[in-house]
Amino acid sequence: HPNFNENGYFFVNYTDYGPKRNVIARYTVDSNNPNQADHSTSIIILEVNQPYTNHNGGQMGFGSDGFLYVSFGDGGSAGDPQGNGQNLQTLLGTIIRIDIDNTSNNLNYSIPPDNPFMAILNARDEIYAYGLRNMWRFSWDPVTGLLWGADVGQYNWEEIDIIHPGLNYGWNTMEGNHCYPAGTNCNTEGFEPPIYEYPLYVDGVCSVTGGYVYRGNAMPNLQGKYIYGDWCTGDIWALTYDGINETINEHILASDINITSFGLDQDNELLICANSSIYKI
């Protein structure tokens, strides 16, 4: 929680079963030990049922506005068989934005009044952006305020997106900049394209893992670049993007580890979760 030092609240996103679902829960640290959680304080904020066993993982984070953002995969299987990505009546395939400091309508949260789909009939008010396949890692650049996300592709393309409120990122009509399924024709009007994409299965890459725009001090040559990787190969790249000039992608490291997530330490230096360990670049 943004006021964690005062209230001791922290939030967990986990997968549970019977039925399969994502659970967003709030816990409080132990009053006698700030390094230990008090399990009895669990409060379930939100649950989202999952039809399949994959694409259940999701990122959570508090924006500078104090609201909680959560990403949900499209429900899983392959190709989004239920069409969740283009369905505003489900939270699957979206990033949501909720107010966890207030409650309304018998929920353990409320809806920020400026959420983009409040006025759309039958749309879920929680939705911030949609048309996502499995954006299980996103992050903000604290300097520009941009929300960066990496969306895992199906068979052909991995993509990096800048997430803006109310936009549709195309899945499952689009995979990256391309119609899905490959080789078909589609109407691309109204979809927000990625700022960068790379093809799957070239030199072994298979699944993008989103990272952070680097704002640390130890590696000045990476300042302002978006650092991300691939789960299969452990390759790490630096993306230069300003919205005006051509996006530049640089390969910076062949780590040969299975990167599941990036993180930041207290000095904004990059950490990597992989192979049951935490690494530092």
C-alpha atoms as a PDB file:
ATOM      1  CA  HIS A   1       0.000   0.000   0.000  1.00  0.00           C
ATOM      2  CA  PRO A   2       1.266   3.533  -0.672  1.00  0.00           C
ATOM      3  CA  ASN A   3       0.856   4.191   3.074  1.00  0.00           C
ATOM      4  CA  PHE A   4       2.409   0.879   4.089  1.00  0.00           C
ATOM      5  CA  ASN A   5       4.641   2.462   6.718  1.00  0.00           C
ATOM      6  CA  GLU A   6       1.529   3.651   8.553  1.00  0.00           C
ATOM      7  CA  ASN A   7      -1.020   0.869   7.942  1.00  0.00           C
ATOM      8  CA  GLY A   8       1.097  -2.239   7.224  1.00  0.00           C
ATOM      9  CA  TYR A   9      -1.131  -3.274   4.306  1.00  0.00           C
ATOM     10  CA  PHE A  10       0.234  -5.304   1.402  1.00  0.00           C
ATOM     11  CA  PHE A  11      -1.519  -7.101  -1.442  1.00  0.00           C
ATOM     12  CA  VAL A  12      -1.124 -10.548  -2.968  1.00  0.00           C
ATOM     13  CA  ASN A  13      -2.344 -11.951  -6.291  1.00  0.00           C
ATOM     14  CA  TYR A  14      -2.542 -15.736  -6.221  1.00  0.00           C
ATOM     15  CA  THR A  15      -4.209 -18.616  -8.073  1.00  0.00           C
ATOM     16  CA  ASP A  16      -6.636 -20.826  -6.176  1.00  0.00           C
ATOM     17  CA  TYR A  17      -8.781 -23.792  -7.125  1.00  0.00           C
ATOM     18  CA  GLY A  18     -12.324 -25.074  -6.634  1.00  0.00           C
ATOM     19  CA  PRO A  19     -13.063 -23.162  -8.850  1.00  0.00           C
ATOM     20  CA  LYS A  20      -9.896 -22.035 -10.664  1.00  0.00           C
ATOM     21  CA  ARG A  21      -9.574 -18.335  -9.993  1.00  0.00           C
ATOM     22  CA  ASN A  22      -7.276 -15.395  -9.359  1.00  0.00           C
ATOM     23  CA  VAL A  23      -7.571 -13.970  -5.870  1.00  0.00           C
ATOM     24  CA  ILE A  24      -6.518 -10.437  -4.972  1.00  0.00           C
ATOM     25  CA  ALA A  25      -6.168 -10.254  -1.183  1.00  0.00           C
ATOM     26  CA  ARG A  26      -4.968  -7.735   1.370  1.00  0.00           C
ATOM     27  CA  TYR A  27      -2.864  -8.705   4.364  1.00  0.00           C
ATOM     28  CA  THR A  28      -1.325  -6.814   7.272  1.00  0.00           C
ATOM     29  CA  VAL A  29       2.154  -7.283   8.695  1.00  0.00           C
ATOM     30  CA  ASP A  30       2.447  -8.630  12.210  1.00  0.00           C
ATOM     31  CA  SER A  31       2.266  -5.832  14.764  1.00  0.00           C
ATOM     32  CA  ASN A  32       5.295  -7.269  16.580  1.00  0.00           C
ATOM     33  CA  ASN A  33       7.391  -8.192  13.542  1.00  0.00           C
ATOM     34  CA  PRO A  34       7.375  -6.030  10.402  1.00  0.00           C
ATOM     35  CA  ASN A  35       9.060  -8.860   8.448  1.00  0.00           C
ATOM     36  CA  GLN A  36       6.218 -11.296   9.093  1.00  0.00           C
ATOM     37  CA  ALA A  37       2.655 -11.351   7.805  1.00  0.00           C
ATOM     38  CA  ASP A  38      -0.384 -11.881   9.976  1.00  0.00           C
ATOM     39  CA  HIS A  39      -2.341 -14.472   7.982  1.00  0.00           C
ATOM     40  CA  SER A  40      -5.492 -13.934  10.036  1.00  0.00           C
ATOM     41  CA  THR A  41      -5.828 -10.428   8.574  1.00  0.00           C
ATOM     42  CA  SER A  42      -6.618 -11.688   5.060  1.00  0.00           C
ATOM     43  CA  ILE A  43      -9.330  -9.735   3.262  1.00  0.00           C
ATOM     44  CA  ILE A  44     -10.287 -10.828  -0.258  1.00  0.00           C
ATOM     45  CA  ILE A  45     -10.573  -7.755  -2.462  1.00  0.00           C
ATOM     46  CA  LEU A  46     -11.511  -9.402  -5.751  1.00  0.00           C
ATOM     47  CA  GLU A  47     -11.794 -12.860  -7.360  1.00  0.00           C
ATOM     48  CA  VAL A  48     -11.795 -13.610 -11.094  1.00  0.00           C
ATOM     49  CA  ASN A  49     -12.690 -17.109 -12.298  1.00  0.00           C
ATOM     50  CA  GLN A  50     -10.288 -18.725 -14.760  1.00  0.00           C
ATOM     51  CA  PRO A  51     -11.593 -21.184 -17.377  1.00  0.00           C
ATOM     52  CA  TYR A  52      -8.198 -22.795 -18.083  1.00  0.00           C
ATOM     53  CA  THR A  53      -5.002 -23.504 -16.171  1.00  0.00           C
ATOM     54  CA  ASN A  54      -2.661 -21.158 -18.082  1.00  0.00           C
ATOM     55  CA  HIS A  55      -2.492 -17.357 -18.275  1.00  0.00           C
ATOM     56  CA  ASN A  56      -3.451 -17.024 -14.617  1.00  0.00           C
ATOM     57  CA  GLY A  57      -0.491 -14.968 -13.458  1.00  0.00           C
ATOM     58  CA  GLY A  58      -0.805 -11.191 -13.231  1.00  0.00           C
ATOM     59  CA  GLN A  59       1.037  -8.068 -12.220  1.00  0.00           C
ATOM     60  CA  MET A  60      -0.208  -5.667  -9.565  1.00  0.00           C
ATOM     61  CA  GLY A  61       0.985  -2.184  -8.802  1.00  0.00           C
ATOM     62  CA  PHE A  62      -0.079   1.136  -7.371  1.00  0.00           C
ATOM     63  CA  GLY A  63      -0.028   4.040  -9.788  1.00  0.00           C
ATOM     64  CA  SER A  64       0.987   7.548  -8.819  1.00  0.00           C
ATOM     65  CA  ASP A  65      -2.754   8.200  -8.500  1.00  0.00           C
ATOM     66  CA  GLY A  66      -2.915   5.799  -5.520  1.00  0.00           C
ATOM     67  CA  PHE A  67      -5.137   3.302  -7.337  1.00  0.00           C
ATOM     68  CA  LEU A  68      -4.369  -0.417  -7.675  1.00  0.00           C
ATOM     69  CA  TYR A  69      -3.767  -1.747 -11.195  1.00  0.00           C
ATOM     70  CA  VAL A  70      -4.005  -5.487 -11.916  1.00  0.00           C
ATOM     71  CA  SER A  71      -3.481  -7.400 -15.169  1.00  0.00           C
ATOM     72  CA  PHE A  72      -5.381 -10.550 -16.099  1.00  0.00           C
ATOM     73  CA  GLY A  73      -4.656 -12.984 -18.926  1.00  0.00           C
ATOM     74  CA  ASP A  74      -7.277 -13.867 -21.516  1.00  0.00           C
ATOM     75  CA  GLY A  75      -8.324 -17.013 -19.646  1.00  0.00           C
ATOM     76  CA  GLY A  76      -5.861 -19.381 -21.249  1.00  0.00           C
ATOM     77  CA  SER A  77      -6.006 -22.393 -23.559  1.00  0.00           C
ATOM     78  CA  ALA A  78      -4.791 -21.205 -27.000  1.00  0.00           C
ATOM     79  CA  GLY A  79      -6.109 -18.517 -29.302  1.00  0.00           C
ATOM     80  CA  ASP A  80      -8.582 -17.117 -26.739  1.00  0.00           C
ATOM     81  CA  PRO A  81     -11.397 -19.579 -27.592  1.00  0.00           C
ATOM     82  CA  GLN A  82     -13.923 -17.704 -25.421  1.00  0.00           C
ATOM     83  CA  GLY A  83     -13.177 -14.351 -27.067  1.00  0.00           C
ATOM     84  CA  ASN A  84     -12.399 -12.715 -23.724  1.00  0.00           C
ATOM     85  CA  GLY A  85      -9.812 -10.301 -25.125  1.00  0.00           C
ATOM     86  CA  GLN A  86     -12.443  -8.331 -27.042  1.00  0.00           C
ATOM     87  CA  ASN A  87     -15.213  -8.675 -24.441  1.00  0.00           C
ATOM     88  CA  LEU A  88     -15.708  -5.694 -22.130  1.00  0.00           C
ATOM     89  CA  GLN A  89     -18.070  -7.741 -19.941  1.00  0.00           C
ATOM     90  CA  THR A  90     -15.193  -9.766 -18.456  1.00  0.00           C
ATOM     91  CA  LEU A  91     -12.017  -8.780 -16.606  1.00  0.00           C
ATOM     92  CA  LEU A  92     -10.044 -11.448 -18.470  1.00  0.00           C
ATOM     93  CA  GLY A  93      -7.664  -9.974 -21.036  1.00  0.00           C
ATOM     94  CA  THR A  94      -7.523  -6.592 -19.299  1.00  0.00           C
ATOM     95  CA  ILE A  95      -5.699  -4.284 -16.950  1.00  0.00           C
ATOM     96  CA  ILE A  96      -8.064  -3.036 -14.275  1.00  0.00           C
ATOM     97  CA  ARG A  97      -7.851   0.038 -12.020  1.00  0.00           C
ATOM     98  CA  ILE A  98      -9.590   0.064  -8.647  1.00  0.00           C
ATOM     99  CA  ASP A  99      -9.748   2.142  -5.468  1.00  0.00           C
ATOM    100  CA  ILE A 100      -8.911  -0.091  -2.502  1.00  0.00           C
ATOM    101  CA  ASP A 101      -9.268   2.705   0.073  1.00  0.00           C
ATOM    102  CA  ASN A 102     -13.039   2.931  -0.411  1.00  0.00           C
ATOM    103  CA  THR A 103     -15.852   0.442  -0.898  1.00  0.00           C
ATOM    104  CA  SER A 104     -19.118   0.600  -2.831  1.00  0.00           C
ATOM    105  CA  ASN A 105     -21.920  -1.648  -4.135  1.00  0.00           C
ATOM    106  CA  ASN A 106     -21.121  -4.417  -1.614  1.00  0.00           C
ATOM    107  CA  LEU A 107     -17.580  -4.721  -3.014  1.00  0.00           C
ATOM    108  CA  ASN A 108     -14.318  -4.503  -1.069  1.00  0.00           C
ATOM    109  CA  TYR A 109     -13.213  -1.742  -3.435  1.00  0.00           C
ATOM    110  CA  SER A 110     -14.724   1.084  -5.463  1.00  0.00           C
ATOM    111  CA  ILE A 111     -14.353   2.351  -9.022  1.00  0.00           C
ATOM    112  CA  PRO A 112     -12.352   5.522  -9.724  1.00  0.00           C
ATOM    113  CA  PRO A 113     -14.853   7.923 -11.303  1.00  0.00           C
ATOM    114  CA  ASP A 114     -12.606   8.641 -14.283  1.00  0.00           C
ATOM    115  CA  ASN A 115     -12.171   5.009 -15.348  1.00  0.00           C
ATOM    116  CA  PRO A 116     -12.581   4.945 -19.145  1.00  0.00           C
ATOM    117  CA  PHE A 117     -15.523   2.546 -19.554  1.00  0.00           C
ATOM    118  CA  MET A 118     -17.861   3.904 -16.890  1.00  0.00           C
ATOM    119  CA  ALA A 119     -20.288   5.209 -19.507  1.00  0.00           C
ATOM    120  CA  ILE A 120     -20.242   2.095 -21.729  1.00  0.00           C
ATOM    121  CA  LEU A 121     -23.358  -0.058 -21.312  1.00  0.00           C
ATOM    122  CA  ASN A 122     -22.615  -3.560 -19.938  1.00  0.00           C
ATOM    123  CA  ALA A 123     -18.852  -2.905 -19.786  1.00  0.00           C
ATOM    124  CA  ARG A 124     -17.035  -3.734 -16.552  1.00  0.00           C
ATOM    125  CA  ASP A 125     -16.279  -0.412 -14.881  1.00  0.00           C
ATOM    126  CA  GLU A 126     -13.006  -1.731 -13.447  1.00  0.00           C
ATOM    127  CA  ILE A 127     -11.368  -2.002 -16.897  1.00  0.00           C
ATOM    128  CA  TYR A 128      -8.537   0.409 -17.714  1.00  0.00           C
ATOM    129  CA  ALA A 129      -7.358  -1.181 -21.002  1.00  0.00           C
ATOM    130  CA  TYR A 130      -8.214  -4.400 -22.839  1.00  0.00           C
ATOM    131  CA  GLY A 131      -7.404  -6.633 -25.805  1.00  0.00           C
ATOM    132  CA  LEU A 132      -4.463  -8.218 -23.973  1.00  0.00           C
ATOM    133  CA  ARG A 133      -3.408 -11.858 -24.204  1.00  0.00           C
ATOM    134  CA  ASN A 134      -1.179 -12.379 -21.183  1.00  0.00           C
ATOM    135  CA  MET A 135       0.375  -9.144 -19.960  1.00  0.00           C
ATOM    136  CA  TRP A 136       1.596 -10.577 -16.691  1.00  0.00           C
ATOM    137  CA  ARG A 137       4.294  -7.913 -16.187  1.00  0.00           C
ATOM    138  CA  PHE A 138       3.886  -4.137 -16.418  1.00  0.00           C
ATOM    139  CA  SER A 139       5.603  -1.134 -14.820  1.00  0.00           C
ATOM    140  CA  TRP A 140       5.629   2.657 -14.753  1.00  0.00           C
ATOM    141  CA  ASP A 141       8.489   4.919 -15.727  1.00  0.00           C
ATOM    142  CA  PRO A 142       8.618   7.351 -12.780  1.00  0.00           C
ATOM    143  CA  VAL A 143      10.107  10.100 -14.965  1.00  0.00           C
ATOM    144  CA  THR A 144       7.675  10.086 -17.915  1.00  0.00           C
ATOM    145  CA  GLY A 145       4.739   8.459 -16.115  1.00  0.00           C
ATOM    146  CA  LEU A 146       4.267   6.031 -19.015  1.00  0.00           C
ATOM    147  CA  LEU A 147       2.856   2.574 -18.218  1.00  0.00           C
ATOM    148  CA  TRP A 148       4.888  -0.101 -20.013  1.00  0.00           C
ATOM    149  CA  GLY A 149       3.674  -3.656 -20.552  1.00  0.00           C
ATOM    150  CA  ALA A 150       4.952  -6.801 -22.258  1.00  0.00           C
ATOM    151  CA  ASP A 151       2.283  -9.025 -23.796  1.00  0.00           C
ATOM    152  CA  VAL A 152       3.115 -12.663 -24.470  1.00  0.00           C
ATOM    153  CA  GLY A 153       2.155 -13.747 -27.988  1.00  0.00           C
ATOM    154  CA  GLN A 154       0.538 -16.900 -29.324  1.00  0.00           C
ATOM    155  CA  TYR A 155       2.576 -18.477 -32.107  1.00  0.00           C
ATOM    156  CA  ASN A 156       4.341 -15.678 -33.934  1.00  0.00           C
ATOM    157  CA  TRP A 157       4.929 -12.338 -32.135  1.00  0.00           C
ATOM    158  CA  GLU A 158       5.892 -10.986 -28.723  1.00  0.00           C
ATOM    159  CA  GLU A 159       5.079  -7.327 -28.089  1.00  0.00           C
ATOM    160  CA  ILE A 160       5.907  -4.297 -25.964  1.00  0.00           C
ATOM    161  CA  ASP A 161       3.081  -1.807 -25.391  1.00  0.00           C
ATOM    162  CA  ILE A 162       2.559   1.597 -23.851  1.00  0.00           C
ATOM    163  CA  ILE A 163      -0.738   1.299 -21.971  1.00  0.00           C
ATOM    164  CA  HIS A 164      -3.163   4.205 -22.169  1.00  0.00           C
ATOM    165  CA  PRO A 165      -6.625   4.317 -20.582  1.00  0.00           C
ATOM    166  CA  GLY A 166      -9.512   3.099 -22.701  1.00  0.00           C
ATOM    167  CA  LEU A 167      -7.449   1.628 -25.534  1.00  0.00           C
ATOM    168  CA  ASN A 168      -7.894  -1.772 -27.197  1.00  0.00           C
ATOM    169  CA  TYR A 169      -4.631  -3.649 -27.809  1.00  0.00           C
ATOM    170  CA  GLY A 170      -6.084  -6.022 -30.369  1.00  0.00           C
ATOM    171  CA  TRP A 171      -6.019  -9.586 -29.075  1.00  0.00           C
ATOM    172  CA  ASN A 172      -7.407 -11.939 -30.394  1.00  0.00           C
ATOM    173  CA  THR A 173      -7.978 -10.114 -33.668  1.00  0.00           C
ATOM    174  CA  MET A 174      -4.335  -9.063 -33.712  1.00  0.00           C
ATOM    175  CA  GLU A 175      -1.084 -10.634 -32.545  1.00  0.00           C
ATOM    176  CA  GLY A 176       1.354  -7.754 -32.394  1.00  0.00           C
ATOM    177  CA  ASN A 177       0.985  -5.768 -35.608  1.00  0.00           C
ATOM    178  CA  HIS A 178      -0.422  -8.772 -37.475  1.00  0.00           C
ATOM    179  CA  CYS A 179      -3.849 -10.267 -38.026  1.00  0.00           C
ATOM    180  CA  TYR A 180      -4.582 -13.414 -36.036  1.00  0.00           C
ATOM    181  CA  PRO A 181      -4.618 -16.195 -37.089  1.00  0.00           C
ATOM    182  CA  ALA A 182      -1.576 -15.566 -39.260  1.00  0.00           C
ATOM    183  CA  GLY A 183      -2.347 -15.180 -42.930  1.00  0.00           C
ATOM    184  CA  THR A 184      -5.897 -13.968 -42.413  1.00  0.00           C
ATOM    185  CA  ASN A 185      -7.312 -10.541 -43.194  1.00  0.00           C
ATOM    186  CA  CYS A 186      -8.781  -8.408 -40.430  1.00  0.00           C
ATOM    187  CA  ASN A 187     -10.011  -4.907 -39.765  1.00  0.00           C
ATOM    188  CA  THR A 188      -7.238  -3.213 -37.779  1.00  0.00           C
ATOM    189  CA  GLU A 189      -9.150   0.014 -37.141  1.00  0.00           C
ATOM    190  CA  GLY A 190      -9.441   0.989 -33.506  1.00  0.00           C
ATOM    191  CA  PHE A 191      -6.547  -1.124 -32.207  1.00  0.00           C
ATOM    192  CA  GLU A 192      -3.508   0.359 -30.473  1.00  0.00           C
ATOM    193  CA  PRO A 193      -0.343  -1.140 -32.005  1.00  0.00           C
ATOM    194  CA  PRO A 194       2.700  -2.168 -29.984  1.00  0.00           C
ATOM    195  CA  ILE A 195       5.720   0.112 -29.904  1.00  0.00           C
ATOM    196  CA  TYR A 196       7.920  -2.922 -30.580  1.00  0.00           C
ATOM    197  CA  GLU A 197       7.545  -6.584 -31.462  1.00  0.00           C
ATOM    198  CA  TYR A 198       9.854  -9.512 -32.060  1.00  0.00           C
ATOM    199  CA  PRO A 199       9.201 -12.872 -33.759  1.00  0.00           C
ATOM    200  CA  LEU A 200       8.902 -16.092 -31.784  1.00  0.00           C
ATOM    201  CA  TYR A 201      11.170 -19.103 -32.180  1.00  0.00           C
ATOM    202  CA  VAL A 202      14.013 -17.165 -33.781  1.00  0.00           C
ATOM    203  CA  ASP A 203      17.184 -18.246 -31.938  1.00  0.00           C
ATOM    204  CA  GLY A 204      14.998 -19.930 -29.333  1.00  0.00           C
ATOM    205  CA  VAL A 205      13.049 -16.945 -27.983  1.00  0.00           C
ATOM    206  CA  CYS A 206       9.497 -17.813 -27.001  1.00  0.00           C
ATOM    207  CA  SER A 207       7.995 -15.651 -24.231  1.00  0.00           C
ATOM    208  CA  VAL A 208       8.607 -11.999 -23.382  1.00  0.00           C
ATOM    209  CA  THR A 209       9.125 -10.996 -19.748  1.00  0.00           C
ATOM    210  CA  GLY A 210       8.423  -7.332 -19.072  1.00  0.00           C
ATOM    211  CA  GLY A 211      10.846  -5.229 -17.072  1.00  0.00           C
ATOM    212  CA  TYR A 212      11.461  -1.589 -16.181  1.00  0.00           C
ATOM    213  CA  VAL A 213      12.643   1.669 -17.631  1.00  0.00           C
ATOM    214  CA  TYR A 214      16.057   1.975 -16.023  1.00  0.00           C
ATOM    215  CA  ARG A 215      16.414   4.927 -13.639  1.00  0.00           C
ATOM    216  CA  GLY A 216      19.306   3.710 -11.491  1.00  0.00           C
ATOM    217  CA  ASN A 217      22.857   5.089 -11.314  1.00  0.00           C
ATOM    218  CA  ALA A 218      25.106   2.047 -11.689  1.00  0.00           C
ATOM    219  CA  MET A 219      24.690   1.734 -15.490  1.00  0.00           C
ATOM    220  CA  PRO A 220      24.426   5.236 -17.007  1.00  0.00           C
ATOM    221  CA  ASN A 221      24.462   3.868 -20.572  1.00  0.00           C
ATOM    222  CA  LEU A 222      21.047   2.259 -19.879  1.00  0.00           C
ATOM    223  CA  GLN A 223      19.456   5.398 -18.429  1.00  0.00           C
ATOM    224  CA  GLY A 224      15.897   5.863 -19.713  1.00  0.00           C
ATOM    225  CA  LYS A 225      15.823   2.589 -21.639  1.00  0.00           C
ATOM    226  CA  TYR A 226      13.211  -0.131 -21.112  1.00  0.00           C
ATOM    227  CA  ILE A 227      14.964  -3.310 -19.982  1.00  0.00           C
ATOM    228  CA  TYR A 228      13.153  -6.601 -20.660  1.00  0.00           C
ATOM    229  CA  GLY A 229      13.947 -10.221 -21.452  1.00  0.00           C
ATOM    230  CA  ASP A 230      12.796 -13.566 -22.810  1.00  0.00           C
ATOM    231  CA  TRP A 231      11.868 -16.459 -20.546  1.00  0.00           C
ATOM    232  CA  CYS A 232      13.181 -19.224 -22.801  1.00  0.00           C
ATOM    233  CA  THR A 233      16.635 -17.906 -23.644  1.00  0.00           C
ATOM    234  CA  GLY A 234      17.392 -15.402 -20.900  1.00  0.00           C
ATOM    235  CA  ASP A 235      18.291 -12.778 -23.476  1.00  0.00           C
ATOM    236  CA  ILE A 236      17.953  -9.217 -22.153  1.00  0.00           C
ATOM    237  CA  TRP A 237      17.388  -6.152 -24.321  1.00  0.00           C
ATOM    238  CA  ALA A 238      17.226  -2.371 -23.902  1.00  0.00           C
ATOM    239  CA  LEU A 239      14.515  -0.498 -25.796  1.00  0.00           C
ATOM    240  CA  THR A 240      14.900   3.211 -26.580  1.00  0.00           C
ATOM    241  CA  TYR A 241      11.529   4.906 -27.168  1.00  0.00           C
ATOM    242  CA  ASP A 242      10.441   8.532 -27.082  1.00  0.00           C
ATOM    243  CA  GLY A 243       7.266   8.420 -29.180  1.00  0.00           C
ATOM    244  CA  ILE A 244       8.867  10.534 -31.900  1.00  0.00           C
ATOM    245  CA  ASN A 245      11.949   8.815 -33.271  1.00  0.00           C
ATOM    246  CA  GLU A 246      12.265   5.224 -34.430  1.00  0.00           C
ATOM    247  CA  THR A 247      12.290   2.721 -31.566  1.00  0.00           C
ATOM    248  CA  ILE A 248      15.752   1.178 -31.116  1.00  0.00           C
ATOM    249  CA  ASN A 249      16.269  -2.278 -29.620  1.00  0.00           C
ATOM    250  CA  GLU A 250      19.714  -3.316 -28.303  1.00  0.00           C
ATOM    251  CA  HIS A 251      20.768  -6.749 -27.112  1.00  0.00           C
ATOM    252  CA  ILE A 252      22.679  -6.226 -23.863  1.00  0.00           C
ATOM    253  CA  LEU A 253      23.041  -9.641 -22.214  1.00  0.00           C
ATOM    254  CA  ALA A 254      22.717 -13.375 -22.884  1.00  0.00           C
ATOM    255  CA  SER A 255      22.024 -14.580 -19.362  1.00  0.00           C
ATOM    256  CA  ASP A 256      21.015 -18.188 -20.184  1.00  0.00           C
ATOM    257  CA  ILE A 257      18.502 -18.215 -17.282  1.00  0.00           C
ATOM    258  CA  ASN A 258      14.707 -18.505 -17.366  1.00  0.00           C
ATOM    259  CA  ILE A 259      13.592 -14.967 -16.513  1.00  0.00           C
ATOM    260  CA  THR A 260      10.198 -14.956 -14.812  1.00  0.00           C
ATOM    261  CA  SER A 261      10.249 -11.372 -13.555  1.00  0.00           C
ATOM    262  CA  PHE A 262      12.291  -8.213 -13.157  1.00  0.00           C
ATOM    263  CA  GLY A 263      12.375  -6.106 -10.010  1.00  0.00           C
ATOM    264  CA  LEU A 264      13.977  -3.033  -8.507  1.00  0.00           C
ATOM    265  CA  ASP A 265      15.951  -2.627  -5.303  1.00  0.00           C
ATOM    266  CA  GLN A 266      15.775   0.467  -3.082  1.00  0.00           C
ATOM    267  CA  ASP A 267      18.267   2.248  -5.360  1.00  0.00           C
ATOM    268  CA  ASN A 268      16.294   1.499  -8.549  1.00  0.00           C
ATOM    269  CA  GLU A 269      18.891  -1.043  -9.669  1.00  0.00           C
ATOM    270  CA  LEU A 270      17.614  -4.015 -11.656  1.00  0.00           C
ATOM    271  CA  LEU A 271      16.909  -7.420 -10.146  1.00  0.00           C
ATOM    272  CA  ILE A 272      15.907 -10.618 -11.964  1.00  0.00           C
ATOM    273  CA  CYS A 273      13.886 -13.589 -10.718  1.00  0.00           C
ATOM    274  CA  ALA A 274      14.992 -16.798 -12.424  1.00  0.00           C
ATOM    275  CA  ASN A 275      15.885 -20.415 -11.697  1.00  0.00           C
ATOM    276  CA  SER A 276      14.866 -20.203  -8.012  1.00  0.00           C
ATOM    277  CA  SER A 277      17.236 -17.289  -7.445  1.00  0.00           C
ATOM    278  CA  ILE A 278      17.344 -13.506  -7.460  1.00  0.00           C
ATOM    279  CA  TYR A 279      20.045 -11.996  -9.670  1.00  0.00           C
ATOM    280  CA  LYS A 280      21.337  -8.449  -9.979  1.00  0.00           C
ATOM    281  CA  ILE A 281      22.604  -6.918 -13.207  1.00  0.00           C
END
